PDB file of all heavy atoms in Angstrom:
ATOM      1  N   ARG A   1     100.455 114.485  94.314  1.00  0.00           N
ATOM      2  CA  ARG A   1      99.750 115.071  93.164  1.00  0.00           C
ATOM      3  C   ARG A   1     100.149 116.529  93.003  1.00  0.00           C
ATOM      4  O   ARG A   1     100.183 117.294  93.957  1.00  0.00           O
ATOM      5  CB  ARG A   1      98.245 114.942  93.349  1.00  0.00           C
ATOM      6  CG  ARG A   1      97.442 115.353  92.105  1.00  0.00           C
ATOM      7  CD  ARG A   1      95.955 115.096  92.290  1.00  0.00           C
ATOM      8  NE  ARG A   1      95.664 113.669  92.377  1.00  0.00           N
ATOM      9  CZ  ARG A   1      95.246 113.069  93.482  1.00  0.00           C
ATOM     10  NH1 ARG A   1      95.059 113.770  94.580  1.00  0.00           N
ATOM     11  NH2 ARG A   1      95.005 111.764  93.486  1.00  0.00           N
ATOM     12  N   GLY A   2     100.478 116.890  91.779  1.00  0.00           N
ATOM     13  CA  GLY A   2     100.916 118.249  91.479  1.00  0.00           C
ATOM     14  C   GLY A   2     102.424 118.433  91.566  1.00  0.00           C
ATOM     15  O   GLY A   2     102.947 119.448  91.112  1.00  0.00           O
ATOM     16  N   ARG A   3     103.106 117.449  92.145  1.00  0.00           N
ATOM     17  CA  ARG A   3     104.573 117.540  92.261  1.00  0.00           C
ATOM     18  C   ARG A   3     105.272 116.467  91.435  1.00  0.00           C
ATOM     19  O   ARG A   3     106.380 116.691  90.928  1.00  0.00           O
ATOM     20  CB  ARG A   3     105.002 117.396  93.724  1.00  0.00           C
ATOM     21  CG  ARG A   3     104.444 118.463  94.640  1.00  0.00           C
ATOM     22  CD  ARG A   3     105.063 118.367  96.036  1.00  0.00           C
ATOM     23  NE  ARG A   3     104.735 117.127  96.715  1.00  0.00           N
ATOM     24  CZ  ARG A   3     105.643 116.262  97.173  1.00  0.00           C
ATOM     25  NH1 ARG A   3     106.930 116.497  97.018  1.00  0.00           N
ATOM     26  NH2 ARG A   3     105.259 115.158  97.797  1.00  0.00           N
ATOM     27  N   PHE A   4     104.656 115.302  91.341  1.00  0.00           N
ATOM     28  CA  PHE A   4     105.254 114.166  90.622  1.00  0.00           C
ATOM     29  C   PHE A   4     104.484 113.939  89.321  1.00  0.00           C
ATOM     30  O   PHE A   4     103.277 114.152  89.246  1.00  0.00           O
ATOM     31  CB  PHE A   4     105.170 112.895  91.455  1.00  0.00           C
ATOM     32  CG  PHE A   4     106.046 112.868  92.681  1.00  0.00           C
ATOM     33  CD1 PHE A   4     106.693 114.005  93.141  1.00  0.00           C
ATOM     34  CD2 PHE A   4     106.208 111.687  93.391  1.00  0.00           C
ATOM     35  CE1 PHE A   4     107.487 113.971  94.273  1.00  0.00           C
ATOM     36  CE2 PHE A   4     107.003 111.638  94.522  1.00  0.00           C
ATOM     37  CZ  PHE A   4     107.640 112.780  94.964  1.00  0.00           C
ATOM     38  N   VAL A   5     105.210 113.480  88.306  1.00  0.00           N
ATOM     39  CA  VAL A   5     104.588 113.147  87.028  1.00  0.00           C
ATOM     40  C   VAL A   5     105.104 111.793  86.566  1.00  0.00           C
ATOM     41  O   VAL A   5     106.320 111.588  86.460  1.00  0.00           O
ATOM     42  CB  VAL A   5     104.896 114.202  85.950  1.00  0.00           C
ATOM     43  CG1 VAL A   5     104.256 113.801  84.625  1.00  0.00           C
ATOM     44  CG2 VAL A   5     104.391 115.575  86.377  1.00  0.00           C
ATOM     45  N   ILE A   6     104.185 110.876  86.296  1.00  0.00           N
ATOM     46  CA  ILE A   6     104.543 109.555  85.798  1.00  0.00           C
ATOM     47  C   ILE A   6     104.364 109.520  84.290  1.00  0.00           C
ATOM     48  O   ILE A   6     103.429 110.128  83.749  1.00  0.00           O
ATOM     49  CB  ILE A   6     103.704 108.449  86.481  1.00  0.00           C
ATOM     50  CG1 ILE A   6     104.234 107.065  86.133  1.00  0.00           C
ATOM     51  CG2 ILE A   6     102.221 108.590  86.125  1.00  0.00           C
ATOM     52  CD1 ILE A   6     103.609 105.938  86.956  1.00  0.00           C
ATOM     53  N   SER A   7     105.268 108.827  83.633  1.00  0.00           N
ATOM     54  CA  SER A   7     105.159 108.637  82.187  1.00  0.00           C
ATOM     55  C   SER A   7     105.601 107.221  81.842  1.00  0.00           C
ATOM     56  O   SER A   7     106.438 106.632  82.539  1.00  0.00           O
ATOM     57  CB  SER A   7     105.996 109.666  81.436  1.00  0.00           C
ATOM     58  OG  SER A   7     107.356 109.585  81.801  1.00  0.00           O
ATOM     59  N   GLY A   8     105.044 106.698  80.779  1.00  0.00           N
ATOM     60  CA  GLY A   8     105.365 105.338  80.390  1.00  0.00           C
ATOM     61  C   GLY A   8     105.526 105.195  78.892  1.00  0.00           C
ATOM     62  O   GLY A   8     104.975 105.983  78.123  1.00  0.00           O
ATOM     63  N   ASP A   9     106.303 104.216  78.505  1.00  0.00           N
ATOM     64  CA  ASP A   9     106.503 103.891  77.096  1.00  0.00           C
ATOM     65  C   ASP A   9     106.108 102.435  76.910  1.00  0.00           C
ATOM     66  O   ASP A   9     106.840 101.536  77.307  1.00  0.00           O
ATOM     67  CB  ASP A   9     107.965 104.121  76.705  1.00  0.00           C
ATOM     68  CG  ASP A   9     108.205 103.941  75.209  1.00  0.00           C
ATOM     69  OD1 ASP A   9     107.531 103.084  74.584  1.00  0.00           O
ATOM     70  OD2 ASP A   9     109.063 104.629  74.661  1.00  0.00           O
ATOM     71  N   ASN A  10     104.937 102.215  76.325  1.00  0.00           N
ATOM     72  CA  ASN A  10     104.422 100.856  76.183  1.00  0.00           C
ATOM     73  C   ASN A  10     105.284 100.014  75.254  1.00  0.00           C
ATOM     74  O   ASN A  10     105.427  98.815  75.463  1.00  0.00           O
ATOM     75  CB  ASN A  10     102.989 100.899  75.649  1.00  0.00           C
ATOM     76  CG  ASN A  10     102.013 101.473  76.657  1.00  0.00           C
ATOM     77  OD1 ASN A  10     102.191 101.342  77.859  1.00  0.00           O
ATOM     78  ND2 ASN A  10     100.972 102.126  76.160  1.00  0.00           N
ATOM     79  N   ALA A  11     105.865 100.638  74.256  1.00  0.00           N
ATOM     80  CA  ALA A  11     106.679  99.886  73.300  1.00  0.00           C
ATOM     81  C   ALA A  11     107.963  99.377  73.944  1.00  0.00           C
ATOM     82  O   ALA A  11     108.448  98.294  73.608  1.00  0.00           O
ATOM     83  CB  ALA A  11     107.008 100.760  72.090  1.00  0.00           C
ATOM     84  N   LYS A  12     108.497 100.159  74.864  1.00  0.00           N
ATOM     85  CA  LYS A  12     109.765  99.798  75.505  1.00  0.00           C
ATOM     86  C   LYS A  12     109.573  99.218  76.899  1.00  0.00           C
ATOM     87  O   LYS A  12     110.540  98.793  77.536  1.00  0.00           O
ATOM     88  CB  LYS A  12     110.674 101.025  75.594  1.00  0.00           C
ATOM     89  CG  LYS A  12     111.080 101.596  74.243  1.00  0.00           C
ATOM     90  CD  LYS A  12     111.998 102.794  74.406  1.00  0.00           C
ATOM     91  CE  LYS A  12     112.405 103.357  73.053  1.00  0.00           C
ATOM     92  NZ  LYS A  12     113.293 104.554  73.211  1.00  0.00           N
ATOM     93  N   ASN A  13     108.320  99.208  77.360  1.00  0.00           N
ATOM     94  CA  ASN A  13     108.021  98.714  78.721  1.00  0.00           C
ATOM     95  C   ASN A  13     108.829  99.441  79.785  1.00  0.00           C
ATOM     96  O   ASN A  13     109.329  98.836  80.735  1.00  0.00           O
ATOM     97  CB  ASN A  13     108.271  97.198  78.820  1.00  0.00           C
ATOM     98  CG  ASN A  13     107.255  96.400  78.027  1.00  0.00           C
ATOM     99  OD1 ASN A  13     106.169  96.899  77.724  1.00  0.00           O
ATOM    100  ND2 ASN A  13     107.606  95.192  77.663  1.00  0.00           N
ATOM    101  N   THR A  14     108.958 100.741  79.613  1.00  0.00           N
ATOM    102  CA  THR A  14     109.659 101.550  80.604  1.00  0.00           C
ATOM    103  C   THR A  14     108.697 102.530  81.250  1.00  0.00           C
ATOM    104  O   THR A  14     107.692 102.944  80.645  1.00  0.00           O
ATOM    105  CB  THR A  14     110.806 102.336  79.957  1.00  0.00           C
ATOM    106  OG1 THR A  14     110.276 103.176  78.918  1.00  0.00           O
ATOM    107  CG2 THR A  14     111.846 101.407  79.358  1.00  0.00           C
ATOM    108  N   VAL A  15     109.009 102.889  82.467  1.00  0.00           N
ATOM    109  CA  VAL A  15     108.191 103.857  83.195  1.00  0.00           C
ATOM    110  C   VAL A  15     109.124 104.781  83.958  1.00  0.00           C
ATOM    111  O   VAL A  15     110.161 104.352  84.469  1.00  0.00           O
ATOM    112  CB  VAL A  15     107.186 103.159  84.135  1.00  0.00           C
ATOM    113  CG1 VAL A  15     107.888 102.313  85.190  1.00  0.00           C
ATOM    114  CG2 VAL A  15     106.233 104.162  84.771  1.00  0.00           C
ATOM    115  N   SER A  16     108.763 106.058  83.994  1.00  0.00           N
ATOM    116  CA  SER A  16     109.580 107.057  84.678  1.00  0.00           C
ATOM    117  C   SER A  16     108.722 107.852  85.648  1.00  0.00           C
ATOM    118  O   SER A  16     107.496 107.924  85.498  1.00  0.00           O
ATOM    119  CB  SER A  16     110.225 108.008  83.660  1.00  0.00           C
ATOM    120  OG  SER A  16     111.111 107.309  82.803  1.00  0.00           O
ATOM    121  N   LEU A  17     109.396 108.446  86.610  1.00  0.00           N
ATOM    122  CA  LEU A  17     108.710 109.284  87.597  1.00  0.00           C
ATOM    123  C   LEU A  17     109.536 110.551  87.787  1.00  0.00           C
ATOM    124  O   LEU A  17     110.661 110.490  88.294  1.00  0.00           O
ATOM    125  CB  LEU A  17     108.550 108.551  88.928  1.00  0.00           C
ATOM    126  CG  LEU A  17     107.743 109.287  89.990  1.00  0.00           C
ATOM    127  CD1 LEU A  17     106.269 109.361  89.577  1.00  0.00           C
ATOM    128  CD2 LEU A  17     107.877 108.595  91.344  1.00  0.00           C
ATOM    129  N   GLN A  18     109.006 111.663  87.350  1.00  0.00           N
ATOM    130  CA  GLN A  18     109.643 112.955  87.569  1.00  0.00           C
ATOM    131  C   GLN A  18     109.144 113.498  88.889  1.00  0.00           C
ATOM    132  O   GLN A  18     107.935 113.708  89.063  1.00  0.00           O
ATOM    133  CB  GLN A  18     109.306 113.921  86.430  1.00  0.00           C
ATOM    134  CG  GLN A  18     109.886 115.309  86.596  1.00  0.00           C
ATOM    135  CD  GLN A  18     111.394 115.326  86.550  1.00  0.00           C
ATOM    136  OE1 GLN A  18     112.011 114.651  85.712  1.00  0.00           O
ATOM    137  NE2 GLN A  18     112.013 116.083  87.444  1.00  0.00           N
ATOM    138  N   MET A  19     110.066 113.723  89.811  1.00  0.00           N
ATOM    139  CA  MET A  19     109.703 114.173  91.148  1.00  0.00           C
ATOM    140  C   MET A  19     110.244 115.575  91.359  1.00  0.00           C
ATOM    141  O   MET A  19     111.456 115.790  91.322  1.00  0.00           O
ATOM    142  CB  MET A  19     110.274 113.214  92.192  1.00  0.00           C
ATOM    143  CG  MET A  19     109.881 111.765  91.972  1.00  0.00           C
ATOM    144  SD  MET A  19     110.405 110.669  93.310  1.00  0.00           S
ATOM    145  CE  MET A  19     112.183 110.764  93.123  1.00  0.00           C
ATOM    146  N   ASN A  20     109.344 116.513  91.546  1.00  0.00           N
ATOM    147  CA  ASN A  20     109.696 117.917  91.755  1.00  0.00           C
ATOM    148  C   ASN A  20     109.276 118.373  93.143  1.00  0.00           C
ATOM    149  O   ASN A  20     108.446 117.729  93.793  1.00  0.00           O
ATOM    150  CB  ASN A  20     109.013 118.784  90.699  1.00  0.00           C
ATOM    151  CG  ASN A  20     109.389 118.391  89.285  1.00  0.00           C
ATOM    152  OD1 ASN A  20     110.544 118.091  88.985  1.00  0.00           O
ATOM    153  ND2 ASN A  20     108.407 118.387  88.394  1.00  0.00           N
ATOM    154  N   SER A  21     109.836 119.466  93.567  1.00  0.00           N
ATOM    155  CA  SER A  21     109.493 120.051  94.876  1.00  0.00           C
ATOM    156  C   SER A  21     109.543 118.988  95.968  1.00  0.00           C
ATOM    157  O   SER A  21     108.610 118.850  96.771  1.00  0.00           O
ATOM    158  CB  SER A  21     108.091 120.697  94.818  1.00  0.00           C
ATOM    159  OG  SER A  21     108.044 121.684  93.822  1.00  0.00           O
ATOM    160  N   LEU A  22     110.615 118.251  95.997  1.00  0.00           N
ATOM    161  CA  LEU A  22     110.731 117.144  96.939  1.00  0.00           C
ATOM    162  C   LEU A  22     110.757 117.634  98.372  1.00  0.00           C
ATOM    163  O   LEU A  22     111.280 118.713  98.682  1.00  0.00           O
ATOM    164  CB  LEU A  22     111.980 116.325  96.622  1.00  0.00           C
ATOM    165  CG  LEU A  22     111.816 115.384  95.423  1.00  0.00           C
ATOM    166  CD1 LEU A  22     113.171 114.973  94.865  1.00  0.00           C
ATOM    167  CD2 LEU A  22     110.999 114.161  95.818  1.00  0.00           C
ATOM    168  N   LYS A  23     110.172 116.814  99.237  1.00  0.00           N
ATOM    169  CA  LYS A  23     110.080 117.127 100.662  1.00  0.00           C
ATOM    170  C   LYS A  23     110.771 116.018 101.458  1.00  0.00           C
ATOM    171  O   LYS A  23     110.866 114.878 100.973  1.00  0.00           O
ATOM    172  CB  LYS A  23     108.611 117.197 101.082  1.00  0.00           C
ATOM    173  CG  LYS A  23     107.776 118.182 100.296  1.00  0.00           C
ATOM    174  CD  LYS A  23     106.312 118.101 100.719  1.00  0.00           C
ATOM    175  CE  LYS A  23     105.444 119.067  99.928  1.00  0.00           C
ATOM    176  NZ  LYS A  23     104.011 118.983 100.338  1.00  0.00           N
ATOM    177  N   PRO A  24     111.204 116.309 102.666  1.00  0.00           N
ATOM    178  CA  PRO A  24     111.826 115.258 103.484  1.00  0.00           C
ATOM    179  C   PRO A  24     110.920 114.034 103.649  1.00  0.00           C
ATOM    180  O   PRO A  24     111.430 112.904 103.716  1.00  0.00           O
ATOM    181  CB  PRO A  24     112.078 115.966 104.812  1.00  0.00           C
ATOM    182  CG  PRO A  24     112.284 117.398 104.430  1.00  0.00           C
ATOM    183  CD  PRO A  24     111.325 117.634 103.303  1.00  0.00           C
ATOM    184  N   GLU A  25     109.627 114.241 103.690  1.00  0.00           N
ATOM    185  CA  GLU A  25     108.710 113.110 103.852  1.00  0.00           C
ATOM    186  C   GLU A  25     108.597 112.246 102.601  1.00  0.00           C
ATOM    187  O   GLU A  25     107.949 111.197 102.633  1.00  0.00           O
ATOM    188  CB  GLU A  25     107.316 113.590 104.279  1.00  0.00           C
ATOM    189  CG  GLU A  25     106.744 114.699 103.414  1.00  0.00           C
ATOM    190  CD  GLU A  25     106.975 116.084 104.033  1.00  0.00           C
ATOM    191  OE1 GLU A  25     108.099 116.343 104.516  1.00  0.00           O
ATOM    192  OE2 GLU A  25     106.023 116.896 104.004  1.00  0.00           O
ATOM    193  N   ASP A  26     109.227 112.644 101.528  1.00  0.00           N
ATOM    194  CA  ASP A  26     109.293 111.794 100.337  1.00  0.00           C
ATOM    195  C   ASP A  26     110.420 110.768 100.441  1.00  0.00           C
ATOM    196  O   ASP A  26     110.537 109.895  99.576  1.00  0.00           O
ATOM    197  CB  ASP A  26     109.509 112.642  99.077  1.00  0.00           C
ATOM    198  CG  ASP A  26     108.338 113.539  98.751  1.00  0.00           C
ATOM    199  OD1 ASP A  26     107.181 113.087  98.881  1.00  0.00           O
ATOM    200  OD2 ASP A  26     108.574 114.709  98.366  1.00  0.00           O
ATOM    201  N   THR A  27     111.230 110.876 101.472  1.00  0.00           N
ATOM    202  CA  THR A  27     112.331 109.936 101.662  1.00  0.00           C
ATOM    203  C   THR A  27     111.798 108.519 101.824  1.00  0.00           C
ATOM    204  O   THR A  27     110.945 108.255 102.664  1.00  0.00           O
ATOM    205  CB  THR A  27     113.155 110.325 102.900  1.00  0.00           C
ATOM    206  OG1 THR A  27     113.782 111.593 102.658  1.00  0.00           O
ATOM    207  CG2 THR A  27     114.221 109.278 103.196  1.00  0.00           C
ATOM    208  N   ALA A  28     112.305 107.609 101.001  1.00  0.00           N
ATOM    209  CA  ALA A  28     111.835 106.220 101.000  1.00  0.00           C
ATOM    210  C   ALA A  28     112.620 105.428  99.965  1.00  0.00           C
ATOM    211  O   ALA A  28     113.373 105.998  99.171  1.00  0.00           O
ATOM    212  CB  ALA A  28     110.345 106.154 100.665  1.00  0.00           C
ATOM    213  N   VAL A  29     112.406 104.128  99.987  1.00  0.00           N
ATOM    214  CA  VAL A  29     112.856 103.284  98.882  1.00  0.00           C
ATOM    215  C   VAL A  29     111.718 103.236  97.875  1.00  0.00           C
ATOM    216  O   VAL A  29     110.575 102.932  98.240  1.00  0.00           O
ATOM    217  CB  VAL A  29     113.224 101.866  99.356  1.00  0.00           C
ATOM    218  CG1 VAL A  29     113.632 101.008  98.158  1.00  0.00           C
ATOM    219  CG2 VAL A  29     114.357 101.928 100.376  1.00  0.00           C
ATOM    220  N   TYR A  30     112.022 103.550  96.640  1.00  0.00           N
ATOM    221  CA  TYR A  30     111.025 103.581  95.571  1.00  0.00           C
ATOM    222  C   TYR A  30     111.151 102.334  94.701  1.00  0.00           C
ATOM    223  O   TYR A  30     112.258 101.974  94.282  1.00  0.00           O
ATOM    224  CB  TYR A  30     111.193 104.840  94.726  1.00  0.00           C
ATOM    225  CG  TYR A  30     110.688 106.085  95.413  1.00  0.00           C
ATOM    226  CD1 TYR A  30     111.340 106.614  96.528  1.00  0.00           C
ATOM    227  CD2 TYR A  30     109.525 106.719  94.973  1.00  0.00           C
ATOM    228  CE1 TYR A  30     110.859 107.741  97.175  1.00  0.00           C
ATOM    229  CE2 TYR A  30     109.041 107.846  95.605  1.00  0.00           C
ATOM    230  CZ  TYR A  30     109.715 108.359  96.708  1.00  0.00           C
ATOM    231  OH  TYR A  30     109.235 109.475  97.356  1.00  0.00           O
ATOM    232  N   TYR A  31     110.007 101.708  94.449  1.00  0.00           N
ATOM    233  CA  TYR A  31     109.964 100.475  93.667  1.00  0.00           C
ATOM    234  C   TYR A  31     109.085 100.680  92.437  1.00  0.00           C
ATOM    235  O   TYR A  31     108.014 101.288  92.531  1.00  0.00           O
ATOM    236  CB  TYR A  31     109.348  99.346  94.476  1.00  0.00           C
ATOM    237  CG  TYR A  31     110.085  98.987  95.735  1.00  0.00           C
ATOM    238  CD1 TYR A  31     109.813  99.635  96.937  1.00  0.00           C
ATOM    239  CD2 TYR A  31     111.055  97.981  95.737  1.00  0.00           C
ATOM    240  CE1 TYR A  31     110.490  99.300  98.101  1.00  0.00           C
ATOM    241  CE2 TYR A  31     111.724  97.638  96.894  1.00  0.00           C
ATOM    242  CZ  TYR A  31     111.437  98.304  98.070  1.00  0.00           C
ATOM    243  OH  TYR A  31     112.113  97.967  99.220  1.00  0.00           O
ATOM    244  N   CYS A  32     109.519 100.145  91.316  1.00  0.00           N
ATOM    245  CA  CYS A  32     108.634 100.148  90.157  1.00  0.00           C
ATOM    246  C   CYS A  32     107.941  98.790  90.059  1.00  0.00           C
ATOM    247  O   CYS A  32     108.432  97.778  90.567  1.00  0.00           O
ATOM    248  CB  CYS A  32     109.363 100.489  88.866  1.00  0.00           C
ATOM    249  SG  CYS A  32     110.489  99.227  88.265  1.00  0.00           S
ATOM    250  N   LYS A  33     106.813  98.804  89.427  1.00  0.00           N
ATOM    251  CA  LYS A  33     105.994  97.608  89.279  1.00  0.00           C
ATOM    252  C   LYS A  33     105.368  97.596  87.896  1.00  0.00           C
ATOM    253  O   LYS A  33     104.854  98.602  87.429  1.00  0.00           O
ATOM    254  CB  LYS A  33     104.901  97.591  90.350  1.00  0.00           C
ATOM    255  CG  LYS A  33     103.883  96.483  90.221  1.00  0.00           C
ATOM    256  CD  LYS A  33     102.796  96.671  91.259  1.00  0.00           C
ATOM    257  CE  LYS A  33     101.585  95.834  90.988  1.00  0.00           C
ATOM    258  NZ  LYS A  33     100.494  96.080  91.958  1.00  0.00           N
ATOM    259  N   HIS A  34     105.434  96.436  87.254  1.00  0.00           N
ATOM    260  CA  HIS A  34     104.728  96.211  85.999  1.00  0.00           C
ATOM    261  C   HIS A  34     103.657  95.170  86.284  1.00  0.00           C
ATOM    262  O   HIS A  34     103.945  94.121  86.880  1.00  0.00           O
ATOM    263  CB  HIS A  34     105.664  95.677  84.916  1.00  0.00           C
ATOM    264  CG  HIS A  34     106.589  96.694  84.337  1.00  0.00           C
ATOM    265  ND1 HIS A  34     106.884  97.878  84.943  1.00  0.00           N
ATOM    266  CD2 HIS A  34     107.294  96.695  83.178  1.00  0.00           C
ATOM    267  CE1 HIS A  34     107.719  98.579  84.198  1.00  0.00           C
ATOM    268  NE2 HIS A  34     107.985  97.878  83.114  1.00  0.00           N
ATOM    269  N   GLN A  35     102.449  95.444  85.864  1.00  0.00           N
ATOM    270  CA  GLN A  35     101.338  94.555  86.144  1.00  0.00           C
ATOM    271  C   GLN A  35     100.864  93.866  84.871  1.00  0.00           C
ATOM    272  O   GLN A  35     100.512  94.534  83.888  1.00  0.00           O
ATOM    273  CB  GLN A  35     100.175  95.341  86.759  1.00  0.00           C
ATOM    274  CG  GLN A  35      99.021  94.472  87.203  1.00  0.00           C
ATOM    275  CD  GLN A  35      99.419  93.566  88.357  1.00  0.00           C
ATOM    276  OE1 GLN A  35     100.003  94.013  89.336  1.00  0.00           O
ATOM    277  NE2 GLN A  35      99.108  92.279  88.237  1.00  0.00           N
ATOM    278  N   THR A  36     100.896  92.523  84.888  1.00  0.00           N
ATOM    279  CA  THR A  36     100.264  91.736  83.841  1.00  0.00           C
ATOM    280  C   THR A  36      99.251  90.834  84.557  1.00  0.00           C
ATOM    281  O   THR A  36      98.509  91.317  85.408  1.00  0.00           O
ATOM    282  CB  THR A  36     101.303  90.917  83.056  1.00  0.00           C
ATOM    283  OG1 THR A  36     101.898  89.955  83.932  1.00  0.00           O
ATOM    284  CG2 THR A  36     102.401  91.797  82.497  1.00  0.00           C
ATOM    285  N   TYR A  37      99.244  89.569  84.262  1.00  0.00           N
ATOM    286  CA  TYR A  37      98.417  88.656  85.053  1.00  0.00           C
ATOM    287  C   TYR A  37      99.046  88.455  86.424  1.00  0.00           C
ATOM    288  O   TYR A  37      98.431  87.898  87.330  1.00  0.00           O
ATOM    289  CB  TYR A  37      98.277  87.308  84.327  1.00  0.00           C
ATOM    290  CG  TYR A  37      99.551  86.499  84.286  1.00  0.00           C
ATOM    291  CD1 TYR A  37      99.829  85.558  85.260  1.00  0.00           C
ATOM    292  CD2 TYR A  37     100.487  86.711  83.285  1.00  0.00           C
ATOM    293  CE1 TYR A  37     101.000  84.826  85.235  1.00  0.00           C
ATOM    294  CE2 TYR A  37     101.658  85.990  83.249  1.00  0.00           C
ATOM    295  CZ  TYR A  37     101.916  85.053  84.229  1.00  0.00           C
ATOM    296  OH  TYR A  37     103.085  84.338  84.196  1.00  0.00           O
ATOM    297  N   ARG A  38     100.308  88.894  86.521  1.00  0.00           N
ATOM    298  CA  ARG A  38     101.032  88.872  87.782  1.00  0.00           C
ATOM    299  C   ARG A  38     101.770  90.191  87.911  1.00  0.00           C
ATOM    300  O   ARG A  38     101.788  90.995  86.982  1.00  0.00           O
ATOM    301  CB  ARG A  38     102.028  87.704  87.821  1.00  0.00           C
ATOM    302  CG  ARG A  38     102.996  87.676  86.657  1.00  0.00           C
ATOM    303  CD  ARG A  38     104.255  86.891  86.941  1.00  0.00           C
ATOM    304  NE  ARG A  38     105.148  87.615  87.854  1.00  0.00           N
ATOM    305  CZ  ARG A  38     106.335  87.169  88.230  1.00  0.00           C
ATOM    306  NH1 ARG A  38     106.770  85.986  87.802  1.00  0.00           N
ATOM    307  NH2 ARG A  38     107.087  87.873  89.051  1.00  0.00           N
ATOM    308  N   SER A  39     102.390  90.381  89.075  1.00  0.00           N
ATOM    309  CA  SER A  39     103.135  91.610  89.316  1.00  0.00           C
ATOM    310  C   SER A  39     104.633  91.358  89.217  1.00  0.00           C
ATOM    311  O   SER A  39     105.128  90.357  89.722  1.00  0.00           O
ATOM    312  CB  SER A  39     102.821  92.149  90.711  1.00  0.00           C
ATOM    313  OG  SER A  39     101.453  92.442  90.838  1.00  0.00           O
ATOM    314  N   TYR A  40     105.325  92.261  88.578  1.00  0.00           N
ATOM    315  CA  TYR A  40     106.781  92.252  88.533  1.00  0.00           C
ATOM    316  C   TYR A  40     107.275  93.486  89.291  1.00  0.00           C
ATOM    317  O   TYR A  40     106.801  94.593  89.049  1.00  0.00           O
ATOM    318  CB  TYR A  40     107.292  92.321  87.087  1.00  0.00           C
ATOM    319  CG  TYR A  40     106.952  91.122  86.244  1.00  0.00           C
ATOM    320  CD1 TYR A  40     105.757  91.076  85.530  1.00  0.00           C
ATOM    321  CD2 TYR A  40     107.809  90.039  86.158  1.00  0.00           C
ATOM    322  CE1 TYR A  40     105.443  89.977  84.744  1.00  0.00           C
ATOM    323  CE2 TYR A  40     107.510  88.932  85.367  1.00  0.00           C
ATOM    324  CZ  TYR A  40     106.318  88.915  84.670  1.00  0.00           C
ATOM    325  OH  TYR A  40     106.003  87.829  83.900  1.00  0.00           O
ATOM    326  N   TRP A  41     108.252  93.278  90.175  1.00  0.00           N
ATOM    327  CA  TRP A  41     108.771  94.361  91.000  1.00  0.00           C
ATOM    328  C   TRP A  41     110.261  94.552  90.752  1.00  0.00           C
ATOM    329  O   TRP A  41     110.998  93.589  90.528  1.00  0.00           O
ATOM    330  CB  TRP A  41     108.569  94.044  92.478  1.00  0.00           C
ATOM    331  CG  TRP A  41     107.150  94.083  92.925  1.00  0.00           C
ATOM    332  CD1 TRP A  41     106.274  93.041  92.959  1.00  0.00           C
ATOM    333  CD2 TRP A  41     106.441  95.217  93.439  1.00  0.00           C
ATOM    334  NE1 TRP A  41     105.058  93.448  93.458  1.00  0.00           N
ATOM    335  CE2 TRP A  41     105.136  94.796  93.756  1.00  0.00           C
ATOM    336  CE3 TRP A  41     106.781  96.555  93.654  1.00  0.00           C
ATOM    337  CZ2 TRP A  41     104.170  95.650  94.283  1.00  0.00           C
ATOM    338  CZ3 TRP A  41     105.816  97.411  94.179  1.00  0.00           C
ATOM    339  CH2 TRP A  41     104.528  96.961  94.486  1.00  0.00           C
ATOM    340  N   GLY A  42     110.686  95.810  90.844  1.00  0.00           N
ATOM    341  CA  GLY A  42     112.096  96.101  90.834  1.00  0.00           C
ATOM    342  C   GLY A  42     112.681  95.910  92.227  1.00  0.00           C
ATOM    343  O   GLY A  42     111.963  95.647  93.197  1.00  0.00           O
TER     344      GLY A  42
END
C-alpha cells in the first residue's frame, strides 16, 4: 500500500499494476486473476 497502484478497464477486461519503490522482498512470480462465477488465472 502506497507503492503499488492497480487499475482496470472493464470494457477491455484488462488489469494493470504499477509498482513503484520496489524492494527485494517484492521478488516473486506475479499472477493476474479475473473473478466471475469462477476464477481465471494467468
